[in-house]
């Protein structure tokens, strides 16, 4: 990923980590209570959203998770779909697990 900034921002680039900015909404409380073993746990019924421009997006890292009722719109197609490898070390071979027959299909 190429950032518009020429520096690494730990909270943006290595989430979850210590924020270097003021967090909005419930994000600060969620960061304190929902990080376990270095992983952010999304509450049941909520969604974690990432912006498509990490340098400028105020997404779930900064605002907290979103309830289903806050999400409007409807998906148009599946962009990518892969079976996750059982071993994290095998993530580099994700393409061999790609479900090519599902890409760009309308959701059911």
Protein backbone atom coordinates (compact mmCIF):
# COMPACT_ATOMS: atom_id res chain seq x y z
CA UNK A 1 0.00 0.00 0.00
CA UNK A 2 1.29 3.44 -0.87
CA UNK A 3 0.46 6.19 1.63
CA UNK A 4 0.24 9.89 0.83
CA UNK A 5 2.32 10.45 3.95
CA UNK A 6 6.01 9.59 3.98
CA UNK A 7 5.96 8.28 7.56
CA UNK A 8 4.52 5.31 9.41
CA UNK A 9 1.63 6.11 11.73
CA UNK A 10 1.41 3.25 14.23
CA UNK A 11 -2.30 3.55 15.00
CA UNK A 12 -3.28 3.74 11.33
CA UNK A 13 -0.76 1.23 10.02
CA UNK A 14 -0.57 -1.27 12.91
CA UNK A 15 -4.06 -1.26 14.41
CA UNK A 16 -4.77 -1.86 17.23
CA UNK A 17 -2.01 0.13 18.88
CA UNK A 18 -1.74 3.25 21.01
CA UNK A 19 -3.64 6.10 19.34
CA UNK A 20 -1.66 9.20 18.44
CA UNK A 21 -4.79 11.29 18.04
CA UNK A 22 -8.11 11.94 19.79
CA UNK A 23 -10.62 9.19 19.07
CA UNK A 24 -14.25 9.94 18.32
CA UNK A 25 -17.45 8.38 19.61
CA UNK A 26 -17.05 5.11 21.43
CA UNK A 27 -13.70 4.20 19.83
CA UNK A 28 -11.54 5.03 22.85
CA UNK A 29 -13.65 2.94 25.23
CA UNK A 30 -13.81 0.10 22.69
CA UNK A 31 -10.04 0.17 22.26
CA UNK A 32 -9.62 -0.21 26.04
CA UNK A 33 -12.16 -3.00 26.47
CA UNK A 34 -12.20 -4.97 23.21
CA UNK A 35 -8.53 -5.62 22.51
CA UNK A 36 -7.54 -9.12 23.59
CA UNK A 37 -4.22 -10.71 22.77
CA UNK A 38 -3.39 -7.86 20.41
CA UNK A 39 -6.61 -8.37 18.40
CA UNK A 40 -9.61 -6.04 18.31
CA UNK A 41 -12.79 -8.04 19.03
CA UNK A 42 -15.87 -6.75 17.20
CA UNK A 43 -19.05 -7.09 19.29
CA UNK A 44 -21.79 -9.39 18.00
CA UNK A 45 -24.20 -7.42 15.82
CA UNK A 46 -21.61 -4.71 15.04
CA UNK A 47 -19.36 -4.20 12.03
CA UNK A 48 -15.81 -2.91 11.73
CA UNK A 49 -15.43 -0.61 8.72
CA UNK A 50 -12.19 0.51 7.12
CA UNK A 51 -12.04 3.49 4.79
CA UNK A 52 -10.63 3.12 1.30
CA UNK A 53 -8.18 5.97 1.90
CA UNK A 54 -6.25 5.09 5.08
CA UNK A 55 -4.48 8.46 5.14
CA UNK A 56 -7.74 10.41 5.33
CA UNK A 57 -10.52 8.02 6.41
CA UNK A 58 -12.20 8.38 9.81
CA UNK A 59 -13.34 4.78 10.02
CA UNK A 60 -13.83 2.23 12.80
CA UNK A 61 -10.26 2.73 14.04
CA UNK A 62 -11.20 6.31 14.96
CA UNK A 63 -14.99 6.20 15.52
CA UNK A 64 -15.65 2.70 16.83
CA UNK A 65 -17.73 -0.10 15.37
CA UNK A 66 -21.07 0.44 13.68
CA UNK A 67 -24.36 -1.35 14.41
CA UNK A 68 -26.16 -3.05 11.51
CA UNK A 69 -28.88 -0.36 11.64
CA UNK A 70 -26.28 2.31 10.75
CA UNK A 71 -25.32 0.57 7.51
CA UNK A 72 -27.32 1.60 4.49
CA UNK A 73 -27.00 0.41 0.94
CA UNK A 74 -26.78 -2.98 -0.64
CA UNK A 75 -23.75 -4.89 -1.92
CA UNK A 76 -23.49 -5.12 -5.70
CA UNK A 77 -20.92 -7.89 -6.15
CA UNK A 78 -18.28 -9.94 -4.36
CA UNK A 79 -14.88 -8.46 -5.13
CA UNK A 80 -12.73 -11.23 -3.70
CA UNK A 81 -13.34 -14.48 -1.86
CA UNK A 82 -10.80 -16.97 -0.49
CA UNK A 83 -10.75 -19.84 1.97
CA UNK A 84 -8.48 -18.72 4.81
CA UNK A 85 -5.55 -21.12 5.39
CA UNK A 86 -5.60 -22.88 8.75
CA UNK A 87 -1.98 -21.85 9.43
CA UNK A 88 -1.27 -18.09 9.48
CA UNK A 89 2.15 -18.75 7.96
CA UNK A 90 0.42 -19.97 4.83
CA UNK A 91 -1.24 -16.59 4.18
CA UNK A 92 1.30 -16.00 1.44
CA UNK A 93 -0.36 -18.73 -0.62
CA UNK A 94 -3.85 -17.24 -0.43
CA UNK A 95 -4.14 -17.11 -4.20
CA UNK A 96 -4.03 -20.89 -4.32
CA UNK A 97 -7.17 -20.83 -2.12
CA UNK A 98 -8.98 -18.20 -4.15
CA UNK A 99 -12.54 -19.08 -5.08
CA UNK A 100 -12.26 -17.63 -8.58
CA UNK A 101 -15.81 -18.76 -9.45
CA UNK A 102 -17.25 -16.33 -6.85
CA UNK A 103 -15.46 -13.13 -7.86
CA UNK A 104 -17.67 -10.37 -9.32
CA UNK A 105 -20.89 -12.30 -8.68
CA UNK A 106 -24.01 -10.62 -7.31
CA UNK A 107 -24.57 -11.56 -3.66
CA UNK A 108 -27.39 -13.97 -2.87
